[in-house]
Amino acid sequence: MKLLSNINMIMAASLAVFVLVLGNTGAILGSVGAILFGYIDGIIPLSNWIGRDDETFYHGWTVFYWAWWISWAPFVGMFIARVSRGRTVREFLTAVLLVPTVVTVFWMAIFGGSAIDQVKNSIGVLGDKGITDVSLAMFQMFEHLPLTNLISFVGIILVLVFFVTSSDSGSLVIDGITAGGKTDAPMVQRVFWAILEGIIAIALLVGGGAEALSAIQAAAITIGLPFTLLMLVMCIGLYKGLKSDLHLYK
């Protein structure tokens, strides 16, 4: 998993640098500040669902993703806790909150900024029709960069490896739970969970298609609601635990 993750990060960084250098570099760098300050300026207004006219936006991009992320919290929390063992709280917060936020800002600026620049300057499909299909937007943006076929292939490989590493980390968490918290469970057991995840996913795609995926998404969001209450309790427990440790070290 570590090897795949390192390869993935190197490929993603290489692709980002390629787009930054050979794309409209000035427009991309200029969008960094706009993205960051736009996020800070809009996080509270866009998070408020009371009296809003654009219900489609906050249902699809705010409420939906809140619930989606919360439903992932048990798995992601256990995985990060395991790989962060031995780290300080400062190191944990830096690696989990600050670094990913900075990387996300630059990633959005490079790829989103390039796509928006093509829309504004009427370049290619994005300039003619706008972003009509989110799943194809990146590849439509790649069409007007050098080595289109190569970077499109790299993009597909990146998506694949991201899914593989996510599945691998999910198998690690499930394996740990079923092993009673042990970190040295047999490799065969972990492979079993990984294969089982793949079989279930294939069965759902073949048997139900898009409708099955929509049902799974709805189930994940539904699970996020009760877990929100549990997370609030966990936040209180975390505060008390940190406060207690602070008194011990004074």
C-alpha atoms as a PDB file:
ATOM      1  CA  MET A   1       0.000   0.000   0.000  1.00  0.00           C
ATOM      2  CA  LYS A   2       2.850   2.384   0.839  1.00  0.00           C
ATOM      3  CA  LEU A   3       4.506   1.668  -2.506  1.00  0.00           C
ATOM      4  CA  LEU A   4       1.296   2.292  -4.460  1.00  0.00           C
ATOM      5  CA  SER A   5       0.628   5.494  -2.523  1.00  0.00           C
ATOM      6  CA  ASN A   6       4.122   6.825  -3.225  1.00  0.00           C
ATOM      7  CA  ILE A   7       3.812   5.989  -6.924  1.00  0.00           C
ATOM      8  CA  ASN A   8       0.413   7.669  -6.997  1.00  0.00           C
ATOM      9  CA  MET A   9       1.704  10.852  -5.399  1.00  0.00           C
ATOM     10  CA  ILE A  10       4.665  11.048  -7.786  1.00  0.00           C
ATOM     11  CA  MET A  11       2.393  10.578 -10.812  1.00  0.00           C
ATOM     12  CA  ALA A  12      -0.119  13.137  -9.535  1.00  0.00           C
ATOM     13  CA  ALA A  13       2.609  15.701  -8.823  1.00  0.00           C
ATOM     14  CA  SER A  14       4.182  15.113 -12.244  1.00  0.00           C
ATOM     15  CA  LEU A  15       0.839  15.546 -14.010  1.00  0.00           C
ATOM     16  CA  ALA A  16       0.096  18.733 -12.055  1.00  0.00           C
ATOM     17  CA  VAL A  17       3.503  20.232 -12.897  1.00  0.00           C
ATOM     18  CA  PHE A  18       3.035  19.298 -16.562  1.00  0.00           C
ATOM     19  CA  VAL A  19      -0.341  21.068 -16.751  1.00  0.00           C
ATOM     20  CA  LEU A  20       1.004  24.069 -14.822  1.00  0.00           C
ATOM     21  CA  VAL A  21       4.047  24.545 -17.073  1.00  0.00           C
ATOM     22  CA  LEU A  22       2.455  23.811 -20.459  1.00  0.00           C
ATOM     23  CA  GLY A  23      -0.955  25.283 -19.718  1.00  0.00           C
ATOM     24  CA  ASN A  24      -1.826  28.941 -19.145  1.00  0.00           C
ATOM     25  CA  THR A  25       0.564  29.347 -16.218  1.00  0.00           C
ATOM     26  CA  GLY A  26      -0.384  32.953 -15.512  1.00  0.00           C
ATOM     27  CA  ALA A  27      -4.108  32.207 -15.295  1.00  0.00           C
ATOM     28  CA  ILE A  28      -3.464  29.152 -13.111  1.00  0.00           C
ATOM     29  CA  LEU A  29      -1.271  30.975 -10.607  1.00  0.00           C
ATOM     30  CA  GLY A  30      -3.680  33.894 -10.571  1.00  0.00           C
ATOM     31  CA  SER A  31      -6.530  31.589  -9.581  1.00  0.00           C
ATOM     32  CA  VAL A  32      -4.771  30.339  -6.423  1.00  0.00           C
ATOM     33  CA  GLY A  33      -5.641  33.431  -4.416  1.00  0.00           C
ATOM     34  CA  ALA A  34      -9.160  33.560  -5.859  1.00  0.00           C
ATOM     35  CA  ILE A  35      -9.798  29.950  -4.843  1.00  0.00           C
ATOM     36  CA  LEU A  36      -8.422  30.371  -1.328  1.00  0.00           C
ATOM     37  CA  PHE A  37     -10.148  33.661  -0.507  1.00  0.00           C
ATOM     38  CA  GLY A  38     -13.312  32.603  -2.311  1.00  0.00           C
ATOM     39  CA  TYR A  39     -13.486  29.529  -0.103  1.00  0.00           C
ATOM     40  CA  ILE A  40     -12.952  31.577   3.058  1.00  0.00           C
ATOM     41  CA  ASP A  41     -15.513  34.153   1.957  1.00  0.00           C
ATOM     42  CA  GLY A  42     -18.157  31.641   0.893  1.00  0.00           C
ATOM     43  CA  ILE A  43     -17.842  28.818   3.421  1.00  0.00           C
ATOM     44  CA  ILE A  44     -20.420  30.255   5.832  1.00  0.00           C
ATOM     45  CA  PRO A  45     -22.946  31.638   3.285  1.00  0.00           C
ATOM     46  CA  LEU A  46     -22.812  28.474   1.164  1.00  0.00           C
ATOM     47  CA  SER A  47     -23.177  26.296   4.250  1.00  0.00           C
ATOM     48  CA  ASN A  48     -26.405  28.022   5.293  1.00  0.00           C
ATOM     49  CA  TRP A  49     -29.447  26.226   3.877  1.00  0.00           C
ATOM     50  CA  ILE A  50     -32.049  28.638   5.317  1.00  0.00           C
ATOM     51  CA  GLY A  51     -33.752  30.868   2.766  1.00  0.00           C
ATOM     52  CA  ARG A  52     -31.609  29.784  -0.172  1.00  0.00           C
ATOM     53  CA  ASP A  53     -32.871  29.851  -3.748  1.00  0.00           C
ATOM     54  CA  ASP A  54     -30.196  27.511  -5.172  1.00  0.00           C
ATOM     55  CA  GLU A  55     -31.420  24.317  -3.508  1.00  0.00           C
ATOM     56  CA  THR A  56     -29.747  22.165  -6.148  1.00  0.00           C
ATOM     57  CA  PHE A  57     -26.304  23.446  -5.196  1.00  0.00           C
ATOM     58  CA  TYR A  58     -26.486  22.978  -1.452  1.00  0.00           C
ATOM     59  CA  HIS A  59     -28.239  19.623  -1.790  1.00  0.00           C
ATOM     60  CA  GLY A  60     -25.674  18.341  -4.257  1.00  0.00           C
ATOM     61  CA  TRP A  61     -22.478  19.972  -3.045  1.00  0.00           C
ATOM     62  CA  THR A  62     -22.923  20.917   0.590  1.00  0.00           C
ATOM     63  CA  VAL A  63     -25.370  18.682   2.435  1.00  0.00           C
ATOM     64  CA  PHE A  64     -24.554  15.685   0.235  1.00  0.00           C
ATOM     65  CA  TYR A  65     -20.796  15.888   0.735  1.00  0.00           C
ATOM     66  CA  TRP A  66     -21.082  16.617   4.438  1.00  0.00           C
ATOM     67  CA  ALA A  67     -23.036  13.416   4.919  1.00  0.00           C
ATOM     68  CA  TRP A  68     -20.731  11.536   2.534  1.00  0.00           C
ATOM     69  CA  TRP A  69     -17.578  12.554   4.417  1.00  0.00           C
ATOM     70  CA  ILE A  70     -19.142  11.813   7.797  1.00  0.00           C
ATOM     71  CA  SER A  71     -20.130   8.322   6.643  1.00  0.00           C
ATOM     72  CA  TRP A  72     -16.470   7.742   5.737  1.00  0.00           C
ATOM     73  CA  ALA A  73     -15.263   9.009   9.113  1.00  0.00           C
ATOM     74  CA  PRO A  74     -15.125   5.638  10.951  1.00  0.00           C
ATOM     75  CA  PHE A  75     -13.022   4.015   8.228  1.00  0.00           C
ATOM     76  CA  VAL A  76     -10.759   7.014   7.554  1.00  0.00           C
ATOM     77  CA  GLY A  77     -10.344   7.785  11.262  1.00  0.00           C
ATOM     78  CA  MET A  78      -9.225   4.259  12.105  1.00  0.00           C
ATOM     79  CA  PHE A  79      -6.858   4.148   9.135  1.00  0.00           C
ATOM     80  CA  ILE A  80      -5.225   7.498   9.909  1.00  0.00           C
ATOM     81  CA  ALA A  81      -4.962   6.605  13.598  1.00  0.00           C
ATOM     82  CA  ARG A  82      -3.146   3.402  12.725  1.00  0.00           C
ATOM     83  CA  VAL A  83      -0.639   4.928  10.312  1.00  0.00           C
ATOM     84  CA  SER A  84      -0.081   7.932  12.646  1.00  0.00           C
ATOM     85  CA  ARG A  85       0.880   5.915  15.685  1.00  0.00           C
ATOM     86  CA  GLY A  86       3.873   7.463  17.421  1.00  0.00           C
ATOM     87  CA  ARG A  87       3.279  10.949  15.972  1.00  0.00           C
ATOM     88  CA  THR A  88       2.636  14.056  18.022  1.00  0.00           C
ATOM     89  CA  VAL A  89      -0.659  15.945  17.862  1.00  0.00           C
ATOM     90  CA  ARG A  90       1.111  18.790  16.028  1.00  0.00           C
ATOM     91  CA  GLU A  91       2.510  16.407  13.418  1.00  0.00           C
ATOM     92  CA  PHE A  92      -0.881  14.755  13.062  1.00  0.00           C
ATOM     93  CA  LEU A  93      -2.723  18.049  12.481  1.00  0.00           C
ATOM     94  CA  THR A  94      -0.084  19.250  10.032  1.00  0.00           C
ATOM     95  CA  ALA A  95      -0.153  16.059   7.959  1.00  0.00           C
ATOM     96  CA  VAL A  96      -3.915  15.491   8.064  1.00  0.00           C
ATOM     97  CA  LEU A  97      -5.321  19.029   7.898  1.00  0.00           C
ATOM     98  CA  LEU A  98      -2.811  21.651   6.760  1.00  0.00           C
ATOM     99  CA  VAL A  99      -0.831  19.824   4.060  1.00  0.00           C
ATOM    100  CA  PRO A 100      -3.881  18.286   2.303  1.00  0.00           C
ATOM    101  CA  THR A 101      -5.622  21.685   2.331  1.00  0.00           C
ATOM    102  CA  VAL A 102      -2.661  23.413   0.678  1.00  0.00           C
ATOM    103  CA  VAL A 103      -2.277  20.600  -1.864  1.00  0.00           C
ATOM    104  CA  THR A 104      -6.007  20.742  -2.659  1.00  0.00           C
ATOM    105  CA  VAL A 105      -5.880  24.512  -3.263  1.00  0.00           C
ATOM    106  CA  PHE A 106      -3.030  24.138  -5.770  1.00  0.00           C
ATOM    107  CA  TRP A 107      -4.623  21.056  -7.369  1.00  0.00           C
ATOM    108  CA  MET A 108      -7.906  22.915  -7.882  1.00  0.00           C
ATOM    109  CA  ALA A 109      -6.033  25.949  -9.192  1.00  0.00           C
ATOM    110  CA  ILE A 110      -4.044  23.929 -11.729  1.00  0.00           C
ATOM    111  CA  PHE A 111      -6.785  21.696 -13.126  1.00  0.00           C
ATOM    112  CA  GLY A 112      -9.845  23.808 -12.331  1.00  0.00           C
ATOM    113  CA  GLY A 113      -8.062  26.999 -13.340  1.00  0.00           C
ATOM    114  CA  SER A 114      -7.027  25.460 -16.678  1.00  0.00           C
ATOM    115  CA  ALA A 115     -10.593  24.314 -17.385  1.00  0.00           C
ATOM    116  CA  ILE A 116     -12.081  27.697 -16.433  1.00  0.00           C
ATOM    117  CA  ASP A 117      -9.503  29.451 -18.627  1.00  0.00           C
ATOM    118  CA  GLN A 118     -10.604  27.332 -21.602  1.00  0.00           C
ATOM    119  CA  VAL A 119     -14.268  28.110 -20.868  1.00  0.00           C
ATOM    120  CA  LYS A 120     -13.590  31.864 -20.625  1.00  0.00           C
ATOM    121  CA  ASN A 121     -11.523  31.945 -23.824  1.00  0.00           C
ATOM    122  CA  SER A 122     -13.859  29.656 -25.824  1.00  0.00           C
ATOM    123  CA  ILE A 123     -11.238  26.935 -26.280  1.00  0.00           C
ATOM    124  CA  GLY A 124     -12.353  23.453 -27.364  1.00  0.00           C
ATOM    125  CA  VAL A 125     -15.336  21.549 -26.022  1.00  0.00           C
ATOM    126  CA  LEU A 126     -15.251  23.303 -22.664  1.00  0.00           C
ATOM    127  CA  GLY A 127     -15.277  26.682 -24.399  1.00  0.00           C
ATOM    128  CA  ASP A 128     -18.178  25.715 -26.673  1.00  0.00           C
ATOM    129  CA  LYS A 129     -20.441  23.802 -24.283  1.00  0.00           C
ATOM    130  CA  GLY A 130     -19.006  24.382 -20.823  1.00  0.00           C
ATOM    131  CA  ILE A 131     -18.669  21.572 -18.287  1.00  0.00           C
ATOM    132  CA  THR A 132     -21.581  19.352 -19.294  1.00  0.00           C
ATOM    133  CA  ASP A 133     -20.119  16.067 -18.019  1.00  0.00           C
ATOM    134  CA  VAL A 134     -17.941  16.251 -14.910  1.00  0.00           C
ATOM    135  CA  SER A 135     -16.464  12.789 -15.517  1.00  0.00           C
ATOM    136  CA  LEU A 136     -15.085  13.896 -18.907  1.00  0.00           C
ATOM    137  CA  ALA A 137     -14.131  17.499 -18.115  1.00  0.00           C
ATOM    138  CA  MET A 138     -10.505  16.740 -17.241  1.00  0.00           C
ATOM    139  CA  PHE A 139      -9.943  14.780 -20.447  1.00  0.00           C
ATOM    140  CA  GLN A 140     -11.661  17.498 -22.495  1.00  0.00           C
ATOM    141  CA  MET A 141      -9.257  19.983 -20.922  1.00  0.00           C
ATOM    142  CA  PHE A 142      -6.313  17.719 -21.791  1.00  0.00           C
ATOM    143  CA  GLU A 143      -7.250  17.838 -25.502  1.00  0.00           C
ATOM    144  CA  HIS A 144      -5.668  21.273 -25.828  1.00  0.00           C
ATOM    145  CA  LEU A 145      -2.398  20.444 -24.120  1.00  0.00           C
ATOM    146  CA  PRO A 146       0.687  18.743 -25.630  1.00  0.00           C
ATOM    147  CA  LEU A 147       0.929  14.941 -25.455  1.00  0.00           C
ATOM    148  CA  THR A 148      -2.840  14.613 -24.999  1.00  0.00           C
ATOM    149  CA  ASN A 149      -2.940  10.823 -25.286  1.00  0.00           C
ATOM    150  CA  LEU A 150      -0.080  10.358 -22.817  1.00  0.00           C
ATOM    151  CA  ILE A 151      -1.452  12.628 -20.086  1.00  0.00           C
ATOM    152  CA  SER A 152      -4.963  11.191 -20.572  1.00  0.00           C
ATOM    153  CA  PHE A 153      -3.509   7.721 -20.043  1.00  0.00           C
ATOM    154  CA  VAL A 154      -1.692   8.932 -16.922  1.00  0.00           C
ATOM    155  CA  GLY A 155      -4.968  10.426 -15.679  1.00  0.00           C
ATOM    156  CA  ILE A 156      -6.777   7.102 -16.117  1.00  0.00           C
ATOM    157  CA  ILE A 157      -3.983   5.250 -14.305  1.00  0.00           C
ATOM    158  CA  LEU A 158      -4.155   7.791 -11.475  1.00  0.00           C
ATOM    159  CA  VAL A 159      -7.895   7.253 -11.025  1.00  0.00           C
ATOM    160  CA  LEU A 160      -7.353   3.494 -11.022  1.00  0.00           C
ATOM    161  CA  VAL A 161      -4.533   3.581  -8.476  1.00  0.00           C
ATOM    162  CA  PHE A 162      -6.490   5.979  -6.247  1.00  0.00           C
ATOM    163  CA  PHE A 163      -9.312   3.451  -6.158  1.00  0.00           C
ATOM    164  CA  VAL A 164      -6.896   0.587  -5.491  1.00  0.00           C
ATOM    165  CA  THR A 165      -5.212   2.386  -2.589  1.00  0.00           C
ATOM    166  CA  SER A 166      -8.618   3.315  -1.132  1.00  0.00           C
ATOM    167  CA  SER A 167      -9.753  -0.295  -1.354  1.00  0.00           C
ATOM    168  CA  ASP A 168      -6.467  -1.470   0.149  1.00  0.00           C
ATOM    169  CA  SER A 169      -6.781   0.886   3.117  1.00  0.00           C
ATOM    170  CA  GLY A 170     -10.421  -0.148   3.547  1.00  0.00           C
ATOM    171  CA  SER A 171      -9.377  -3.800   3.622  1.00  0.00           C
ATOM    172  CA  LEU A 172      -6.748  -2.916   6.230  1.00  0.00           C
ATOM    173  CA  VAL A 173      -9.388  -1.328   8.487  1.00  0.00           C
ATOM    174  CA  ILE A 174     -11.900  -4.167   8.065  1.00  0.00           C
ATOM    175  CA  ASP A 175      -9.154  -6.698   8.711  1.00  0.00           C
ATOM    176  CA  GLY A 176      -8.199  -4.891  11.918  1.00  0.00           C
ATOM    177  CA  ILE A 177     -11.805  -4.790  13.130  1.00  0.00           C
ATOM    178  CA  THR A 178     -12.448  -8.468  12.446  1.00  0.00           C
ATOM    179  CA  ALA A 179      -9.116  -9.366  14.061  1.00  0.00           C
ATOM    180  CA  GLY A 180     -10.113  -7.637  17.299  1.00  0.00           C
ATOM    181  CA  GLY A 181      -7.756  -4.693  16.789  1.00  0.00           C
ATOM    182  CA  LYS A 182      -4.675  -6.773  16.070  1.00  0.00           C
ATOM    183  CA  THR A 183      -2.108  -5.217  13.736  1.00  0.00           C
ATOM    184  CA  ASP A 184      -0.423  -8.502  12.858  1.00  0.00           C
ATOM    185  CA  ALA A 185      -3.398 -10.404  11.432  1.00  0.00           C
ATOM    186  CA  PRO A 186      -2.612 -13.003   8.738  1.00  0.00           C
ATOM    187  CA  MET A 187      -2.122 -11.579   5.245  1.00  0.00           C
ATOM    188  CA  VAL A 188      -4.554 -14.175   3.869  1.00  0.00           C
ATOM    189  CA  GLN A 189      -7.331 -12.637   5.947  1.00  0.00           C
ATOM    190  CA  ARG A 190      -6.675  -9.176   4.534  1.00  0.00           C
ATOM    191  CA  VAL A 191      -6.580 -10.544   0.986  1.00  0.00           C
ATOM    192  CA  PHE A 192      -9.918 -12.226   1.664  1.00  0.00           C
ATOM    193  CA  TRP A 193     -11.554  -8.906   2.571  1.00  0.00           C
ATOM    194  CA  ALA A 194     -10.049  -7.166  -0.456  1.00  0.00           C
ATOM    195  CA  ILE A 195     -11.344  -9.864  -2.808  1.00  0.00           C
ATOM    196  CA  LEU A 196     -14.750  -9.847  -1.122  1.00  0.00           C
ATOM    197  CA  GLU A 197     -15.012  -6.067  -1.572  1.00  0.00           C
ATOM    198  CA  GLY A 198     -14.223  -6.456  -5.268  1.00  0.00           C
ATOM    199  CA  ILE A 199     -16.751  -9.248  -5.746  1.00  0.00           C
ATOM    200  CA  ILE A 200     -19.516  -7.240  -4.050  1.00  0.00           C
ATOM    201  CA  ALA A 201     -18.706  -4.168  -6.153  1.00  0.00           C
ATOM    202  CA  ILE A 202     -18.763  -6.190  -9.385  1.00  0.00           C
ATOM    203  CA  ALA A 203     -22.039  -7.863  -8.424  1.00  0.00           C
ATOM    204  CA  LEU A 204     -23.666  -4.500  -7.709  1.00  0.00           C
ATOM    205  CA  LEU A 205     -22.442  -2.945 -10.957  1.00  0.00           C
ATOM    206  CA  VAL A 206     -23.480  -5.904 -13.097  1.00  0.00           C
ATOM    207  CA  GLY A 207     -26.771  -6.543 -11.333  1.00  0.00           C
ATOM    208  CA  GLY A 208     -27.995  -3.033 -10.582  1.00  0.00           C
ATOM    209  CA  GLY A 209     -25.843  -0.611 -12.541  1.00  0.00           C
ATOM    210  CA  ALA A 210     -26.331   3.079 -11.842  1.00  0.00           C
ATOM    211  CA  GLU A 211     -29.436   2.444  -9.745  1.00  0.00           C
ATOM    212  CA  ALA A 212     -27.471   0.207  -7.369  1.00  0.00           C
ATOM    213  CA  LEU A 213     -24.773   2.871  -7.001  1.00  0.00           C
ATOM    214  CA  SER A 214     -27.414   5.489  -6.230  1.00  0.00           C
ATOM    215  CA  ALA A 215     -28.901   3.204  -3.576  1.00  0.00           C
ATOM    216  CA  ILE A 216     -25.462   2.692  -1.977  1.00  0.00           C
ATOM    217  CA  GLN A 217     -24.822   6.430  -1.974  1.00  0.00           C
ATOM    218  CA  ALA A 218     -28.197   7.048  -0.339  1.00  0.00           C
ATOM    219  CA  ALA A 219     -27.420   4.415   2.296  1.00  0.00           C
ATOM    220  CA  ALA A 220     -24.017   5.990   3.025  1.00  0.00           C
ATOM    221  CA  ILE A 221     -25.593   9.421   3.449  1.00  0.00           C
ATOM    222  CA  THR A 222     -28.300   7.998   5.715  1.00  0.00           C
ATOM    223  CA  ILE A 223     -25.634   6.407   7.915  1.00  0.00           C
ATOM    224  CA  GLY A 224     -23.917   9.785   8.158  1.00  0.00           C
ATOM    225  CA  LEU A 225     -26.830  11.335  10.086  1.00  0.00           C
ATOM    226  CA  PRO A 226     -26.707   9.206  13.270  1.00  0.00           C
ATOM    227  CA  PHE A 227     -22.921   9.159  13.163  1.00  0.00           C
ATOM    228  CA  THR A 228     -22.958  12.965  13.238  1.00  0.00           C
ATOM    229  CA  LEU A 229     -24.372  12.813  16.777  1.00  0.00           C
ATOM    230  CA  LEU A 230     -21.711  10.281  17.747  1.00  0.00           C
ATOM    231  CA  MET A 231     -18.992  12.531  16.336  1.00  0.00           C
ATOM    232  CA  LEU A 232     -20.221  15.432  18.470  1.00  0.00           C
ATOM    233  CA  VAL A 233     -19.856  13.243  21.549  1.00  0.00           C
ATOM    234  CA  MET A 234     -16.408  12.163  20.337  1.00  0.00           C
ATOM    235  CA  CYS A 235     -15.384  15.820  19.943  1.00  0.00           C
ATOM    236  CA  ILE A 236     -16.287  16.439  23.575  1.00  0.00           C
ATOM    237  CA  GLY A 237     -14.332  13.338  24.602  1.00  0.00           C
ATOM    238  CA  LEU A 238     -11.321  14.452  22.552  1.00  0.00           C
ATOM    239  CA  TYR A 239     -11.397  17.891  24.179  1.00  0.00           C
ATOM    240  CA  LYS A 240     -11.512  16.378  27.645  1.00  0.00           C
ATOM    241  CA  GLY A 241      -8.720  13.932  26.814  1.00  0.00           C
ATOM    242  CA  LEU A 242      -6.429  16.649  25.457  1.00  0.00           C
ATOM    243  CA  LYS A 243      -7.220  18.900  28.400  1.00  0.00           C
ATOM    244  CA  SER A 244      -6.364  16.090  30.807  1.00  0.00           C
ATOM    245  CA  ASP A 245      -3.059  15.403  29.046  1.00  0.00           C
ATOM    246  CA  LEU A 246      -2.241  19.107  29.130  1.00  0.00           C
ATOM    247  CA  HIS A 247      -2.526  19.142  32.918  1.00  0.00           C
ATOM    248  CA  LEU A 248      -0.269  16.098  33.159  1.00  0.00           C
ATOM    249  CA  TYR A 249       2.540  17.781  31.252  1.00  0.00           C
ATOM    250  CA  LYS A 250       2.334  21.101  33.115  1.00  0.00           C
END
